């Protein structure tokens, strides 16, 4: 695929998410590291970024929460897991054990 506007290569991804989840008020990103920061900028363009979810308590703040806190508070928000293929299957097992509705998250690897 050829991009017509340099610097906007991921706009299509953000638009696809906003169309898929057009009834949500916000999208949370699992992982507050480098990949998470990258996708935060994309979601900010479309006013969809709600915050981060991270397992590291040292990172928890107003915009970074634990998965348990997220699940207890956010009923209409969505989660995007941007992970490497090597840990995607482990993550899927963890999500299955939580019985999280598959329509509430997206694993991007």
C-alpha atoms as a PDB file:
ATOM      1  CA  UNK A   1       0.000   0.000   0.000  1.00  0.00           C
ATOM      2  CA  UNK A   2       1.281   3.452  -0.847  1.00  0.00           C
ATOM      3  CA  UNK A   3       0.774   6.312   1.548  1.00  0.00           C
ATOM      4  CA  UNK A   4      -0.143   9.639   0.066  1.00  0.00           C
ATOM      5  CA  UNK A   5       0.780  11.782   3.072  1.00  0.00           C
ATOM      6  CA  UNK A   6       4.096  11.116   4.737  1.00  0.00           C
ATOM      7  CA  UNK A   7       3.753  11.113   8.503  1.00  0.00           C
ATOM      8  CA  UNK A   8       0.170   9.854   8.391  1.00  0.00           C
ATOM      9  CA  UNK A   9       0.895   6.173   7.809  1.00  0.00           C
ATOM     10  CA  UNK A  10      -1.080   5.070  10.868  1.00  0.00           C
ATOM     11  CA  UNK A  11      -4.092   7.331  10.440  1.00  0.00           C
ATOM     12  CA  UNK A  12      -5.938   4.496   8.710  1.00  0.00           C
ATOM     13  CA  UNK A  13      -5.429   2.330  11.807  1.00  0.00           C
ATOM     14  CA  UNK A  14      -6.836   5.026  14.108  1.00  0.00           C
ATOM     15  CA  UNK A  15      -9.805   5.669  11.812  1.00  0.00           C
ATOM     16  CA  UNK A  16     -10.551   1.934  11.666  1.00  0.00           C
ATOM     17  CA  UNK A  17     -10.588   1.786  15.465  1.00  0.00           C
ATOM     18  CA  UNK A  18     -12.830   4.829  15.792  1.00  0.00           C
ATOM     19  CA  UNK A  19     -15.304   3.309  13.312  1.00  0.00           C
ATOM     20  CA  UNK A  20     -15.234  -0.119  14.980  1.00  0.00           C
ATOM     21  CA  UNK A  21     -15.741   1.314  18.424  1.00  0.00           C
ATOM     22  CA  UNK A  22     -17.808   4.367  17.586  1.00  0.00           C
ATOM     23  CA  UNK A  23     -19.925   3.990  20.737  1.00  0.00           C
ATOM     24  CA  UNK A  24     -17.040   4.100  23.149  1.00  0.00           C
ATOM     25  CA  UNK A  25     -15.966   7.188  24.972  1.00  0.00           C
ATOM     26  CA  UNK A  26     -12.340   6.149  25.204  1.00  0.00           C
ATOM     27  CA  UNK A  27      -9.730   3.529  24.403  1.00  0.00           C
ATOM     28  CA  UNK A  28      -7.124   2.422  26.922  1.00  0.00           C
ATOM     29  CA  UNK A  29      -3.732   1.066  25.933  1.00  0.00           C
ATOM     30  CA  UNK A  30      -2.182  -1.849  27.767  1.00  0.00           C
ATOM     31  CA  UNK A  31       1.459  -0.981  28.371  1.00  0.00           C
ATOM     32  CA  UNK A  32       2.748   2.508  29.052  1.00  0.00           C
ATOM     33  CA  UNK A  33       6.108   1.950  27.350  1.00  0.00           C
ATOM     34  CA  UNK A  34       7.400   3.062  23.966  1.00  0.00           C
ATOM     35  CA  UNK A  35       4.750   1.347  21.813  1.00  0.00           C
ATOM     36  CA  UNK A  36       2.026   2.626  24.102  1.00  0.00           C
ATOM     37  CA  UNK A  37       3.284   6.195  23.802  1.00  0.00           C
ATOM     38  CA  UNK A  38       3.302   5.861  20.009  1.00  0.00           C
ATOM     39  CA  UNK A  39      -0.315   4.669  19.870  1.00  0.00           C
ATOM     40  CA  UNK A  40      -1.362   7.282  22.438  1.00  0.00           C
ATOM     41  CA  UNK A  41      -0.396  10.006  19.971  1.00  0.00           C
ATOM     42  CA  UNK A  42      -2.567   8.359  17.299  1.00  0.00           C
ATOM     43  CA  UNK A  43      -5.580   8.040  19.569  1.00  0.00           C
ATOM     44  CA  UNK A  44      -5.142  11.618  20.813  1.00  0.00           C
ATOM     45  CA  UNK A  45      -5.668  12.855  17.244  1.00  0.00           C
ATOM     46  CA  UNK A  46      -9.180  11.399  17.339  1.00  0.00           C
ATOM     47  CA  UNK A  47      -9.872  12.221  21.000  1.00  0.00           C
ATOM     48  CA  UNK A  48     -10.087   8.499  21.835  1.00  0.00           C
ATOM     49  CA  UNK A  49      -7.256   8.095  24.346  1.00  0.00           C
ATOM     50  CA  UNK A  50      -8.542   7.316  27.834  1.00  0.00           C
ATOM     51  CA  UNK A  51      -5.390   6.198  29.598  1.00  0.00           C
ATOM     52  CA  UNK A  52      -2.921   3.384  30.050  1.00  0.00           C
ATOM     53  CA  UNK A  53      -3.208   0.024  31.771  1.00  0.00           C
ATOM     54  CA  UNK A  54       0.020  -1.388  33.112  1.00  0.00           C
ATOM     55  CA  UNK A  55       0.996  -4.224  35.442  1.00  0.00           C
ATOM     56  CA  UNK A  56       3.810  -2.193  37.010  1.00  0.00           C
ATOM     57  CA  UNK A  57       2.550  -0.465  40.186  1.00  0.00           C
ATOM     58  CA  UNK A  58       5.428   2.023  39.930  1.00  0.00           C
ATOM     59  CA  UNK A  59       3.763   3.449  36.791  1.00  0.00           C
ATOM     60  CA  UNK A  60       0.235   3.800  38.235  1.00  0.00           C
ATOM     61  CA  UNK A  61      -1.101   7.356  38.265  1.00  0.00           C
ATOM     62  CA  UNK A  62      -4.192   9.259  37.126  1.00  0.00           C
ATOM     63  CA  UNK A  63      -3.665   8.111  33.515  1.00  0.00           C
ATOM     64  CA  UNK A  64      -2.035   4.718  34.262  1.00  0.00           C
ATOM     65  CA  UNK A  65      -4.138   2.126  36.103  1.00  0.00           C
ATOM     66  CA  UNK A  66      -4.032  -1.587  36.835  1.00  0.00           C
ATOM     67  CA  UNK A  67      -6.161  -3.966  34.749  1.00  0.00           C
ATOM     68  CA  UNK A  68      -8.280  -4.768  37.831  1.00  0.00           C
ATOM     69  CA  UNK A  69      -8.965  -1.066  38.455  1.00  0.00           C
ATOM     70  CA  UNK A  70      -9.848  -0.571  34.803  1.00  0.00           C
ATOM     71  CA  UNK A  71     -12.302  -3.488  34.813  1.00  0.00           C
ATOM     72  CA  UNK A  72     -13.968  -2.250  38.013  1.00  0.00           C
ATOM     73  CA  UNK A  73     -14.513   1.314  36.769  1.00  0.00           C
ATOM     74  CA  UNK A  74     -14.737   1.457  32.964  1.00  0.00           C
ATOM     75  CA  UNK A  75     -17.788  -0.224  31.513  1.00  0.00           C
ATOM     76  CA  UNK A  76     -17.821   1.456  28.109  1.00  0.00           C
ATOM     77  CA  UNK A  77     -14.112   1.908  27.399  1.00  0.00           C
ATOM     78  CA  UNK A  78     -12.022  -0.431  25.252  1.00  0.00           C
ATOM     79  CA  UNK A  79      -8.527  -1.869  25.593  1.00  0.00           C
ATOM     80  CA  UNK A  80      -5.868  -2.242  22.909  1.00  0.00           C
ATOM     81  CA  UNK A  81      -3.018  -4.605  23.684  1.00  0.00           C
ATOM     82  CA  UNK A  82      -0.053  -3.795  21.510  1.00  0.00           C
ATOM     83  CA  UNK A  83       2.228  -6.740  22.129  1.00  0.00           C
ATOM     84  CA  UNK A  84       4.783  -8.853  20.368  1.00  0.00           C
ATOM     85  CA  UNK A  85       3.626 -12.121  18.817  1.00  0.00           C
ATOM     86  CA  UNK A  86       5.718 -14.031  21.330  1.00  0.00           C
ATOM     87  CA  UNK A  87       3.550 -12.939  24.258  1.00  0.00           C
ATOM     88  CA  UNK A  88       0.180 -12.577  22.495  1.00  0.00           C
ATOM     89  CA  UNK A  89      -0.862 -16.172  23.258  1.00  0.00           C
ATOM     90  CA  UNK A  90       0.023 -15.798  26.955  1.00  0.00           C
ATOM     91  CA  UNK A  91      -1.923 -12.554  27.076  1.00  0.00           C
ATOM     92  CA  UNK A  92      -4.908 -14.246  25.429  1.00  0.00           C
ATOM     93  CA  UNK A  93      -4.867 -16.974  28.109  1.00  0.00           C
ATOM     94  CA  UNK A  94      -4.848 -14.340  30.837  1.00  0.00           C
ATOM     95  CA  UNK A  95      -7.772 -12.509  29.248  1.00  0.00           C
ATOM     96  CA  UNK A  96      -9.709 -15.757  28.877  1.00  0.00           C
ATOM     97  CA  UNK A  97      -9.203 -16.492  32.580  1.00  0.00           C
ATOM     98  CA  UNK A  98     -10.680 -13.074  33.411  1.00  0.00           C
ATOM     99  CA  UNK A  99     -13.669 -13.847  31.181  1.00  0.00           C
ATOM    100  CA  UNK A 100     -13.345 -10.426  29.583  1.00  0.00           C
ATOM    101  CA  UNK A 101     -15.833  -9.940  26.759  1.00  0.00           C
ATOM    102  CA  UNK A 102     -13.867 -10.229  23.503  1.00  0.00           C
ATOM    103  CA  UNK A 103     -15.775  -7.297  22.027  1.00  0.00           C
ATOM    104  CA  UNK A 104     -14.049  -4.997  24.568  1.00  0.00           C
ATOM    105  CA  UNK A 105     -10.470  -5.521  23.492  1.00  0.00           C
ATOM    106  CA  UNK A 106      -8.192  -5.808  20.503  1.00  0.00           C
ATOM    107  CA  UNK A 107      -4.771  -7.475  20.461  1.00  0.00           C
ATOM    108  CA  UNK A 108      -2.482  -5.777  17.965  1.00  0.00           C
ATOM    109  CA  UNK A 109       0.781  -7.577  17.272  1.00  0.00           C
END
